Protein backbone atom coordinates (compact mmCIF):
# COMPACT_ATOMS: atom_id res chain seq x y z
CA UNK A 1 153.76 133.78 311.41
CA UNK A 2 152.94 133.26 307.71
CA UNK A 3 156.57 132.58 306.83
CA UNK A 4 157.02 130.10 309.67
CA UNK A 5 153.89 128.19 308.77
CA UNK A 6 155.11 127.87 305.16
CA UNK A 7 158.51 126.64 306.34
CA UNK A 8 157.01 123.99 308.61
CA UNK A 9 154.28 122.70 306.32
CA UNK A 10 151.42 124.92 307.40
CA UNK A 11 150.93 126.54 303.99
CA UNK A 12 148.15 125.79 301.54
CA UNK A 13 147.91 122.16 300.63
CA UNK A 14 147.33 120.91 297.09
CA UNK A 15 144.86 118.02 297.14
CA UNK A 16 146.05 114.70 295.75
CA UNK A 17 144.51 113.40 292.54
CA UNK A 18 141.54 111.15 293.20
CA UNK A 19 141.85 107.55 292.04
CA UNK A 20 139.52 106.05 289.46
CA UNK A 21 137.12 103.36 290.58
CA UNK A 22 135.36 100.65 288.58
CA UNK A 23 131.72 99.94 289.40
CA UNK A 24 129.46 97.63 287.34
CA UNK A 25 131.64 98.00 284.20
CA UNK A 26 131.63 101.81 284.55
CA UNK A 27 134.74 103.80 285.38
CA UNK A 28 134.25 106.63 287.85
CA UNK A 29 136.82 109.41 287.94
CA UNK A 30 136.08 111.73 290.87
CA UNK A 31 136.77 115.38 290.05
CA UNK A 32 135.80 117.68 292.92
CA UNK A 33 136.03 121.32 291.81
CA UNK A 34 137.49 123.93 294.17
CA UNK A 35 134.88 126.53 295.09
CA UNK A 36 134.97 129.35 297.67
CA UNK A 37 132.86 127.27 300.10
CA UNK A 38 134.76 123.99 299.62
CA UNK A 39 134.62 121.48 296.77
CA UNK A 40 131.75 121.08 294.29
CA UNK A 41 130.78 117.49 293.55
CA UNK A 42 131.84 116.36 290.08
CA UNK A 43 132.93 113.20 288.32
CA UNK A 44 133.37 111.64 284.90
CA UNK A 45 131.55 108.35 284.35
CA UNK A 46 132.72 106.29 281.37
CA UNK A 47 131.89 102.92 279.86
CA UNK A 48 132.70 101.18 276.60
CA UNK A 49 129.42 100.39 274.81
CA UNK A 50 129.49 98.54 271.48
CA UNK A 51 133.21 99.26 271.14
CA UNK A 52 132.86 103.02 271.67
CA UNK A 53 133.76 104.93 274.81
CA UNK A 54 130.75 106.73 276.27
CA UNK A 55 131.18 109.55 278.78
CA UNK A 56 128.83 111.30 281.19
CA UNK A 57 129.87 114.40 283.14
CA UNK A 58 128.37 114.55 286.64
CA UNK A 59 128.23 118.00 288.25
CA UNK A 60 126.21 118.70 291.38
CA UNK A 61 125.49 121.89 293.27
CA UNK A 62 126.57 120.26 296.56
CA UNK A 63 129.76 121.56 298.14
CA UNK A 64 131.81 119.74 300.76
CA UNK A 65 134.50 121.40 302.90
CA UNK A 66 136.96 118.49 303.08
CA UNK A 67 138.63 117.27 299.85
CA UNK A 68 138.72 113.57 300.79
CA UNK A 69 135.07 113.68 301.87
CA UNK A 70 134.22 115.41 298.57
CA UNK A 71 135.96 112.61 296.62
CA UNK A 72 133.99 109.98 298.56
CA UNK A 73 130.76 111.87 297.85
CA UNK A 74 131.64 112.09 294.13
CA UNK A 75 132.02 108.31 294.02
CA UNK A 76 128.85 107.69 296.04
CA UNK A 77 126.74 110.02 293.84
CA UNK A 78 128.19 108.44 290.70
CA UNK A 79 127.30 104.95 291.90
CA UNK A 80 123.79 106.16 292.72
CA UNK A 81 123.37 107.49 289.17
CA UNK A 82 124.70 104.24 287.69
CA UNK A 83 122.26 102.23 289.82
CA UNK A 84 119.34 104.46 288.83
CA UNK A 85 120.08 104.97 285.13
CA UNK A 86 122.66 102.44 283.97
CA UNK A 87 123.46 102.81 280.24
CA UNK A 88 120.71 105.44 279.93
CA UNK A 89 123.29 107.90 281.28
CA UNK A 90 124.65 108.08 277.74
CA UNK A 91 121.41 108.49 275.76
CA UNK A 92 120.55 112.10 274.99
């Protein structure tokens, strides 16, 4: 049955690349990471501040089974961090 499922599209699917989203002058690039239990929440948040690109890497312990749901969660968590911290995301 393995050969038939590969022939008719039942094989493993490669997730599509998630689209960037702009939110309050920040650019969110969802980047769910494949894990044994699903997809770990991750994203890159960037913004140009005083002419320089600033980047924050978001990685959460949460895992989501469905890729598209994981992408939506990456965006939602990124927006939450932007709302809570704003430009302070980049000060370390």
